[in-house]
Amino acid sequence: MAFTASDVVPLTQARATLSDLVEQVKAGAEKIITKNGESYVAIIDSRRLDYYHQLECERIHLLLIDDAAKGLDDIAAGKVKDARTTLAALKRRRAAKPQA
């Protein structure tokens, strides 16, 4: 979604016109509130926020599925190590590192 100049609102103006801003957001707009000329917070509809959270959860699940698929491919290709041997090697490596 592209933002226009009217979607960027200084905090002082937002305080004075919050009710109007909320109505615009409920109608579909997204507002960026600035403080000292810098982006500070955004006002978006709560349903849209829920949707964004769902998208993020789905993205995380897809990444986990992709990682699992890569792991299964590694197993099928024989790229495996014994867990006990690998953990022991990691412990030896950590023990050998000088303490800071």
C-alpha atoms as a PDB file:
ATOM      1  CA  MET A   1       0.000   0.000   0.000  1.00  0.00           C
ATOM      2  CA  ALA A   2       1.400   3.378  -0.977  1.00  0.00           C
ATOM      3  CA  PHE A   3       1.367   6.219   1.517  1.00  0.00           C
ATOM      4  CA  THR A   4       0.464   9.779   0.666  1.00  0.00           C
ATOM      5  CA  ALA A   5       1.480  12.939   2.481  1.00  0.00           C
ATOM      6  CA  SER A   6      -1.887  12.947   4.268  1.00  0.00           C
ATOM      7  CA  ASP A   7      -1.078   9.520   5.742  1.00  0.00           C
ATOM      8  CA  VAL A   8       1.938  10.948   7.601  1.00  0.00           C
ATOM      9  CA  VAL A   9       0.819  12.895  10.646  1.00  0.00           C
ATOM     10  CA  PRO A  10       2.905  14.684  13.294  1.00  0.00           C
ATOM     11  CA  LEU A  11       2.221  13.496  16.845  1.00  0.00           C
ATOM     12  CA  THR A  12       0.958  16.926  17.906  1.00  0.00           C
ATOM     13  CA  GLN A  13      -1.621  16.893  15.100  1.00  0.00           C
ATOM     14  CA  ALA A  14      -2.544  13.275  15.884  1.00  0.00           C
ATOM     15  CA  ARG A  15      -3.313  14.202  19.483  1.00  0.00           C
ATOM     16  CA  ALA A  16      -5.640  16.967  18.314  1.00  0.00           C
ATOM     17  CA  THR A  17      -7.383  14.912  15.623  1.00  0.00           C
ATOM     18  CA  LEU A  18      -7.308  11.356  17.012  1.00  0.00           C
ATOM     19  CA  SER A  19     -11.025  10.722  16.532  1.00  0.00           C
ATOM     20  CA  ASP A  20     -10.809  11.781  12.887  1.00  0.00           C
ATOM     21  CA  LEU A  21      -7.680   9.676  12.323  1.00  0.00           C
ATOM     22  CA  VAL A  22      -9.364   6.630  13.844  1.00  0.00           C
ATOM     23  CA  GLU A  23     -12.351   7.021  11.520  1.00  0.00           C
ATOM     24  CA  GLN A  24     -10.022   7.280   8.504  1.00  0.00           C
ATOM     25  CA  VAL A  25      -8.210   4.132   9.618  1.00  0.00           C
ATOM     26  CA  LYS A  26     -11.504   2.253  10.087  1.00  0.00           C
ATOM     27  CA  ALA A  27     -12.336   3.287   6.505  1.00  0.00           C
ATOM     28  CA  GLY A  28      -9.144   1.599   5.251  1.00  0.00           C
ATOM     29  CA  ALA A  29      -6.354   4.155   5.609  1.00  0.00           C
ATOM     30  CA  GLU A  30      -3.112   3.527   7.462  1.00  0.00           C
ATOM     31  CA  LYS A  31      -1.476   6.425   9.256  1.00  0.00           C
ATOM     32  CA  ILE A  32       2.155   6.979  10.173  1.00  0.00           C
ATOM     33  CA  ILE A  33       2.623   9.163  13.230  1.00  0.00           C
ATOM     34  CA  THR A  34       5.889  11.084  13.372  1.00  0.00           C
ATOM     35  CA  LYS A  35       7.738  12.503  16.349  1.00  0.00           C
ATOM     36  CA  ASN A  36      10.442  15.084  15.809  1.00  0.00           C
ATOM     37  CA  GLY A  37      10.164  14.444  12.064  1.00  0.00           C
ATOM     38  CA  GLU A  38      10.912  10.701  12.364  1.00  0.00           C
ATOM     39  CA  SER A  39       8.521   7.761  11.933  1.00  0.00           C
ATOM     40  CA  TYR A  40       7.298   6.860  15.410  1.00  0.00           C
ATOM     41  CA  VAL A  41       4.223   4.595  15.308  1.00  0.00           C
ATOM     42  CA  ALA A  42       1.526   3.484  12.893  1.00  0.00           C
ATOM     43  CA  ILE A  43      -2.231   3.383  13.279  1.00  0.00           C
ATOM     44  CA  ILE A  44      -3.885   0.498  11.458  1.00  0.00           C
ATOM     45  CA  ASP A  45      -7.217  -1.274  11.749  1.00  0.00           C
ATOM     46  CA  SER A  46      -7.196  -4.087  14.331  1.00  0.00           C
ATOM     47  CA  ARG A  47      -8.461  -6.620  11.768  1.00  0.00           C
ATOM     48  CA  ARG A  48      -5.584  -5.715   9.470  1.00  0.00           C
ATOM     49  CA  LEU A  49      -3.148  -6.126  12.380  1.00  0.00           C
ATOM     50  CA  ASP A  50      -4.592  -9.591  13.076  1.00  0.00           C
ATOM     51  CA  TYR A  51      -4.164 -10.400   9.392  1.00  0.00           C
ATOM     52  CA  TYR A  52      -0.525  -9.266   9.474  1.00  0.00           C
ATOM     53  CA  HIS A  53       0.079 -11.465  12.526  1.00  0.00           C
ATOM     54  CA  GLN A  54      -1.491 -14.440  10.744  1.00  0.00           C
ATOM     55  CA  LEU A  55       0.750 -13.841   7.730  1.00  0.00           C
ATOM     56  CA  GLU A  56       3.805 -13.776   9.981  1.00  0.00           C
ATOM     57  CA  CYS A  57       2.765 -17.048  11.653  1.00  0.00           C
ATOM     58  CA  GLU A  58       2.240 -18.650   8.242  1.00  0.00           C
ATOM     59  CA  ARG A  59       5.650 -17.421   7.104  1.00  0.00           C
ATOM     60  CA  ILE A  60       7.275 -18.937  10.193  1.00  0.00           C
ATOM     61  CA  HIS A  61       5.474 -22.234   9.588  1.00  0.00           C
ATOM     62  CA  LEU A  62       6.615 -22.289   5.961  1.00  0.00           C
ATOM     63  CA  LEU A  63      10.203 -21.674   7.069  1.00  0.00           C
ATOM     64  CA  LEU A  64       9.955 -24.534   9.574  1.00  0.00           C
ATOM     65  CA  ILE A  65       8.530 -26.841   6.903  1.00  0.00           C
ATOM     66  CA  ASP A  66      11.355 -25.845   4.550  1.00  0.00           C
ATOM     67  CA  ASP A  67      13.955 -26.550   7.252  1.00  0.00           C
ATOM     68  CA  ALA A  68      12.356 -29.934   7.961  1.00  0.00           C
ATOM     69  CA  ALA A  69      12.380 -30.775   4.245  1.00  0.00           C
ATOM     70  CA  LYS A  70      16.075 -29.852   4.017  1.00  0.00           C
ATOM     71  CA  GLY A  71      16.755 -32.057   7.032  1.00  0.00           C
ATOM     72  CA  LEU A  72      14.947 -34.981   5.443  1.00  0.00           C
ATOM     73  CA  ASP A  73      16.902 -34.421   2.220  1.00  0.00           C
ATOM     74  CA  ASP A  74      20.140 -34.504   4.241  1.00  0.00           C
ATOM     75  CA  ILE A  75      19.069 -37.770   5.880  1.00  0.00           C
ATOM     76  CA  ALA A  76      18.183 -39.282   2.506  1.00  0.00           C
ATOM     77  CA  ALA A  77      21.587 -38.201   1.161  1.00  0.00           C
ATOM     78  CA  GLY A  78      23.347 -39.763   4.144  1.00  0.00           C
ATOM     79  CA  LYS A  79      24.524 -36.429   5.546  1.00  0.00           C
ATOM     80  CA  VAL A  80      24.053 -37.462   9.162  1.00  0.00           C
ATOM     81  CA  LYS A  81      26.161 -37.527  12.316  1.00  0.00           C
ATOM     82  CA  ASP A  82      25.700 -39.433  15.498  1.00  0.00           C
ATOM     83  CA  ALA A  83      24.195 -37.093  18.113  1.00  0.00           C
ATOM     84  CA  ARG A  84      26.287 -38.349  21.066  1.00  0.00           C
ATOM     85  CA  THR A  85      29.553 -38.030  19.151  1.00  0.00           C
ATOM     86  CA  THR A  86      28.644 -34.561  17.863  1.00  0.00           C
ATOM     87  CA  LEU A  87      27.601 -33.308  21.319  1.00  0.00           C
ATOM     88  CA  ALA A  88      30.789 -34.657  22.863  1.00  0.00           C
ATOM     89  CA  ALA A  89      32.858 -32.877  20.207  1.00  0.00           C
ATOM     90  CA  LEU A  90      31.007 -29.613  20.884  1.00  0.00           C
ATOM     91  CA  LYS A  91      31.601 -29.941  24.634  1.00  0.00           C
ATOM     92  CA  ARG A  92      35.319 -30.588  24.077  1.00  0.00           C
ATOM     93  CA  ARG A  93      35.538 -27.558  21.778  1.00  0.00           C
ATOM     94  CA  ARG A  94      33.802 -25.311  24.312  1.00  0.00           C
ATOM     95  CA  ALA A  95      35.971 -26.571  27.134  1.00  0.00           C
ATOM     96  CA  ALA A  96      39.109 -25.891  25.089  1.00  0.00           C
ATOM     97  CA  LYS A  97      38.161 -22.237  24.447  1.00  0.00           C
ATOM     98  CA  PRO A  98      39.820 -19.774  26.803  1.00  0.00           C
ATOM     99  CA  GLN A  99      37.391 -18.057  29.176  1.00  0.00           C
ATOM    100  CA  ALA A 100      36.982 -14.308  28.563  1.00  0.00           C
END
